[in-house]
Amino acid sequence: MNAPRAPGRRDPHIDGDGWLTSATRLPSPNFEARPDRAVPTLIVVHNISLPPDDFSTDSIARFFLNTLDHDAHPYFDHLRGTRVSAHFVIRRGGAIEQFVSCDERAWHAGVSSFFGRERCNDFSIGIELEGSDHVPFEDAQYDALAALVRIVVKRYPIDALAGHSDIAPGRKTDPGPHFDWQRLRHESALPPSFFPFQSHD
């Protein structure tokens, strides 16, 4: 039997300003208003690690907050002047950080197209998984991602999920070959139509 919730307590949700109530809030300056009052209808899944394949630092957050020390690692040198962000980052242990309100346009997808509709940042929510193309993701990340997807779908008229590689083929490879789309579909309890790039055999 489930324990009763404390009076006044609400389950995690997206608040009226587009912020997930249970996430660590780290507001990035790298965002802008969505054009023409666009609302998000697409979730884009990414992976990121800085430096590549190193999951022991806070460099992702620093990168999105424009506070990255570019002299701290040789890989960071080519990131000088780069301004990017995502709405969410899911760390290896499943903790969720939010950098941009879901109501705003984060800078995560770049040059992209979703079935002929260009500029996916305009109408998408970007979720970064701390990871790479070379290693599997953690169970805690799938759990957090599925829960987050369910929350976002409840709040916005999302009708599709895609990988960065799906909307920027040839330019991007993430979330990579280790990402288990079938697991996400199962755990999010969304119908196959939400996964237009995945096989439904």
Protein backbone atom coordinates (compact mmCIF):
# COMPACT_ATOMS: atom_id res chain seq x y z
CA MET A 1 0.00 0.00 0.00
CA ASN A 2 1.37 3.38 -0.96
CA ALA A 3 2.05 5.86 1.79
CA PRO A 4 -0.13 8.99 1.63
CA ARG A 5 1.51 12.15 0.34
CA ALA A 6 2.10 14.99 2.74
CA PRO A 7 -0.58 17.70 2.60
CA GLY A 8 0.13 20.20 -0.15
CA ARG A 9 2.82 18.06 -1.76
CA ARG A 10 2.65 17.62 -5.53
CA ASP A 11 4.38 15.12 -7.74
CA PRO A 12 7.19 16.46 -9.95
CA HIS A 13 5.75 18.55 -12.77
CA ILE A 14 6.53 21.41 -15.13
CA ASP A 15 5.48 24.61 -13.42
CA GLY A 16 3.80 27.62 -14.98
CA ASP A 17 7.14 29.05 -16.05
CA GLY A 18 8.35 25.89 -17.79
CA TRP A 19 10.62 24.55 -15.04
CA LEU A 20 10.63 21.00 -13.69
CA THR A 21 9.95 21.25 -9.97
CA SER A 22 12.24 18.34 -9.06
CA ALA A 23 15.25 19.35 -11.18
CA THR A 24 18.31 21.27 -10.11
CA ARG A 25 17.80 24.66 -11.75
CA LEU A 26 20.88 26.14 -13.44
CA PRO A 27 19.63 28.96 -15.70
CA SER A 28 21.73 29.32 -18.83
CA PRO A 29 22.03 32.63 -20.67
CA ASN A 30 21.96 30.74 -23.95
CA PHE A 31 18.31 30.84 -24.93
CA GLU A 32 15.72 33.03 -26.62
CA ALA A 33 11.98 33.21 -27.08
CA ARG A 34 10.38 30.63 -29.32
CA PRO A 35 9.36 32.29 -32.59
CA ASP A 36 5.74 33.07 -33.33
CA ARG A 37 4.60 31.64 -29.99
CA ALA A 38 5.65 28.17 -31.06
CA VAL A 39 5.02 25.38 -28.58
CA PRO A 40 7.20 22.29 -28.28
CA THR A 41 5.94 19.23 -30.12
CA LEU A 42 9.22 17.29 -30.36
CA ILE A 43 11.70 15.90 -27.82
CA VAL A 44 15.29 15.52 -29.03
CA VAL A 45 17.58 13.10 -27.19
CA HIS A 46 21.33 13.80 -27.15
CA ASN A 47 24.45 12.61 -25.39
CA ILE A 48 27.28 14.76 -24.10
CA SER A 49 30.45 14.41 -22.05
CA LEU A 50 33.19 16.96 -21.45
CA PRO A 51 35.93 15.98 -21.96
CA PRO A 52 34.69 13.13 -24.15
CA ASP A 53 33.97 9.95 -22.16
CA ASP A 54 34.82 11.64 -18.86
CA PHE A 55 31.87 11.63 -16.47
CA SER A 56 33.67 12.94 -13.40
CA THR A 57 33.44 16.70 -13.97
CA ASP A 58 30.92 19.53 -13.91
CA SER A 59 32.13 20.73 -17.31
CA ILE A 60 28.75 20.22 -19.03
CA ALA A 61 27.09 22.66 -16.68
CA ARG A 62 29.96 25.11 -16.98
CA PHE A 63 29.77 24.87 -20.77
CA PHE A 64 26.06 25.65 -20.80
CA LEU A 65 26.56 28.47 -18.30
CA ASN A 66 29.44 30.04 -20.29
CA THR A 67 31.82 29.54 -17.35
CA LEU A 68 33.94 26.70 -18.79
CA ASP A 69 37.68 27.08 -18.24
CA HIS A 70 38.91 26.50 -21.78
CA ASP A 71 42.48 26.04 -20.57
CA ALA A 72 41.55 23.17 -18.25
CA HIS A 73 41.70 20.51 -20.97
CA PRO A 74 43.03 20.50 -24.56
CA TYR A 75 39.62 19.43 -25.91
CA PHE A 76 38.02 22.59 -24.56
CA ASP A 77 40.10 24.86 -26.74
CA HIS A 78 37.88 24.43 -29.83
CA LEU A 79 34.82 25.31 -27.74
CA ARG A 80 35.94 28.90 -27.19
CA GLY A 81 33.17 31.29 -28.18
CA THR A 82 30.63 28.50 -28.57
CA ARG A 83 27.26 29.23 -27.00
CA VAL A 84 24.95 26.26 -26.57
CA SER A 85 22.42 24.90 -24.11
CA ALA A 86 19.80 22.23 -23.65
CA HIS A 87 16.68 22.22 -21.59
CA PHE A 88 17.76 19.23 -19.49
CA VAL A 89 20.84 17.18 -18.65
CA ILE A 90 20.49 13.76 -17.03
CA ARG A 91 23.65 12.82 -15.16
CA ARG A 92 24.99 9.27 -14.92
CA GLY A 93 23.33 8.72 -11.54
CA GLY A 94 19.95 9.92 -12.83
CA ALA A 95 20.00 13.44 -11.38
CA ILE A 96 18.24 15.96 -13.63
CA GLU A 97 19.56 19.47 -14.21
CA GLN A 98 17.53 22.08 -16.09
CA PHE A 99 19.22 24.96 -17.90
CA VAL A 100 16.42 26.54 -19.96
CA SER A 101 12.69 26.82 -19.39
CA CYS A 102 10.70 24.49 -21.62
CA ASP A 103 8.77 27.56 -22.76
CA GLU A 104 11.95 29.06 -24.24
CA ARG A 105 14.15 28.10 -27.18
CA ALA A 106 17.34 26.34 -26.08
CA TRP A 107 20.32 26.04 -28.45
CA HIS A 108 20.77 22.29 -28.69
CA ALA A 109 19.92 21.02 -32.17
CA GLY A 110 21.69 23.41 -34.55
CA VAL A 111 21.03 22.99 -38.25
CA SER A 112 18.29 20.37 -38.27
CA SER A 113 15.12 19.16 -39.95
CA PHE A 114 12.22 17.04 -38.75
CA PHE A 115 10.42 15.60 -41.77
CA GLY A 116 11.04 18.80 -43.72
CA ARG A 117 10.38 21.21 -40.87
CA GLU A 118 13.59 23.16 -40.36
CA ARG A 119 15.09 24.74 -37.23
CA CYS A 120 14.11 22.10 -34.71
CA ASN A 121 15.16 24.30 -31.79
CA ASP A 122 12.05 26.38 -32.49
CA PHE A 123 9.65 23.57 -31.58
CA SER A 124 11.61 21.04 -29.53
CA ILE A 125 12.81 20.26 -26.04
CA GLY A 126 16.40 19.06 -25.84
CA ILE A 127 17.40 16.39 -23.31
CA GLU A 128 21.10 15.58 -22.93
CA LEU A 129 22.19 12.31 -21.38
CA GLU A 130 25.64 12.41 -19.82
CA GLY A 131 27.33 9.79 -21.95
CA SER A 132 28.93 9.11 -25.30
CA ASP A 133 28.65 6.96 -28.40
CA HIS A 134 31.10 4.47 -26.86
CA VAL A 135 29.52 3.26 -23.61
CA PRO A 136 26.05 2.15 -22.50
CA PHE A 137 23.87 4.50 -20.51
CA GLU A 138 22.99 3.78 -16.89
CA ASP A 139 19.74 2.26 -15.66
CA ALA A 140 19.20 5.37 -13.53
CA GLN A 141 19.37 7.52 -16.66
CA TYR A 142 16.69 5.50 -18.44
CA ASP A 143 14.49 5.69 -15.35
CA ALA A 144 14.92 9.46 -15.11
CA LEU A 145 14.48 9.97 -18.85
CA ALA A 146 11.26 7.96 -19.02
CA ALA A 147 9.83 9.83 -16.05
CA LEU A 148 10.86 13.18 -17.53
CA VAL A 149 9.36 12.32 -20.91
CA ARG A 150 6.05 11.41 -19.28
CA ILE A 151 6.03 14.72 -17.40
CA VAL A 152 6.85 16.76 -20.50
CA VAL A 153 4.25 14.96 -22.63
CA LYS A 154 1.64 15.67 -19.98
CA ARG A 155 2.44 19.40 -20.07
CA TYR A 156 3.05 20.04 -23.80
CA PRO A 157 1.54 18.74 -27.07
CA ILE A 158 4.53 16.49 -27.80
CA ASP A 159 3.86 13.99 -30.56
CA ALA A 160 7.35 12.70 -31.41
CA LEU A 161 10.76 11.82 -29.99
CA ALA A 162 13.94 11.74 -32.06
CA GLY A 163 17.66 11.47 -31.65
CA HIS A 164 19.96 14.30 -32.62
CA SER A 165 21.27 12.04 -35.38
CA ASP A 166 17.74 11.68 -36.78
CA ILE A 167 17.26 15.41 -37.28
CA ALA A 168 20.87 16.18 -38.25
CA PRO A 169 21.99 13.05 -40.15
CA GLY A 170 25.57 13.04 -41.29
CA ARG A 171 26.40 15.86 -38.91
CA LYS A 172 25.52 14.30 -35.55
CA THR A 173 25.65 10.74 -34.22
CA ASP A 174 24.12 11.07 -30.76
CA PRO A 175 22.53 9.64 -28.73
CA GLY A 176 24.60 6.90 -30.35
CA PRO A 177 24.47 3.14 -30.91
CA HIS A 178 24.18 2.26 -27.22
CA PHE A 179 20.96 4.16 -26.69
CA ASP A 180 18.03 1.75 -26.27
CA TRP A 181 15.02 3.31 -27.97
CA GLN A 182 12.86 0.27 -27.34
CA ARG A 183 13.54 0.56 -23.63
CA LEU A 184 12.55 4.21 -23.65
CA ARG A 185 9.39 3.41 -25.57
CA HIS A 186 8.46 0.69 -23.09
CA GLU A 187 9.28 2.68 -19.95
CA SER A 188 7.63 5.88 -21.16
CA ALA A 189 4.49 3.94 -22.14
CA LEU A 190 4.12 5.97 -25.32
CA PRO A 191 2.63 4.52 -28.52
CA PRO A 192 4.83 3.63 -31.49
CA SER A 193 3.70 6.73 -33.38
CA PHE A 194 5.82 8.84 -31.00
CA PHE A 195 8.97 7.17 -32.37
CA PRO A 196 8.86 7.81 -36.13
CA PHE A 197 12.53 6.94 -36.71
CA GLN A 198 12.46 3.61 -34.89
CA SER A 199 11.51 0.16 -36.11
CA HIS A 200 8.38 -1.24 -34.47
CA ASP A 201 8.92 -4.90 -35.26
